[in-house]
Amino acid sequence: MSDLDSPSVPDLDGASSVEVRTSASPALIPTIRAVASDLAARADFDLDAISDLRMAVDEACATLVDIAAARSSLLCTFLVRPDRIEVHAVVETGNADVKVSTDTFGWRVLQTLADDVAVDHAASADDSGSTVGIKLTKHAGDLPR
């Protein structure tokens, strides 16, 4: 296949993108946690950063699985850059009013483990539900916060 025949790949600014989709089930969170850990190790993160990312992904996914609609999926996108990994985890909810609580101990743990963390909500066009996501960034090594 020549370069002209190859499918178009979006320019990710030197980053690699990995997506993992599973059922929104607590039993499958270790799979996503393992992917996060492997990606960080391959990107030469230090051991503390790998551990922090693994635990942050676990906490984010557990938080989202708790509010996911029945039979919904959990989509985790990892954007691996030379100095950091950006994670976006998303679930569908059955109710547009469902929100991630940011005043819990789990949220404080997540803020401590990740360098940046945010919640995003998107309502469906017909108000039958929404998607809720958590975005987090973890840098390869210790950076001042």
Foldseek 3Di string as FASTA:
>chain_A
DDPVPDDDDDDPPQKDKDKDKDWLDLVCQVVVLVVQLVLLVVLVFDPLLSVLRSVLSNLQSVQQSVQADPRKMWMWMWIGDNWKIKIKIKIKGQALPDDRDCPDPSNVSNVVSFVDKDKDWAADPVRRTIMIMMMTMTTRYDDDD
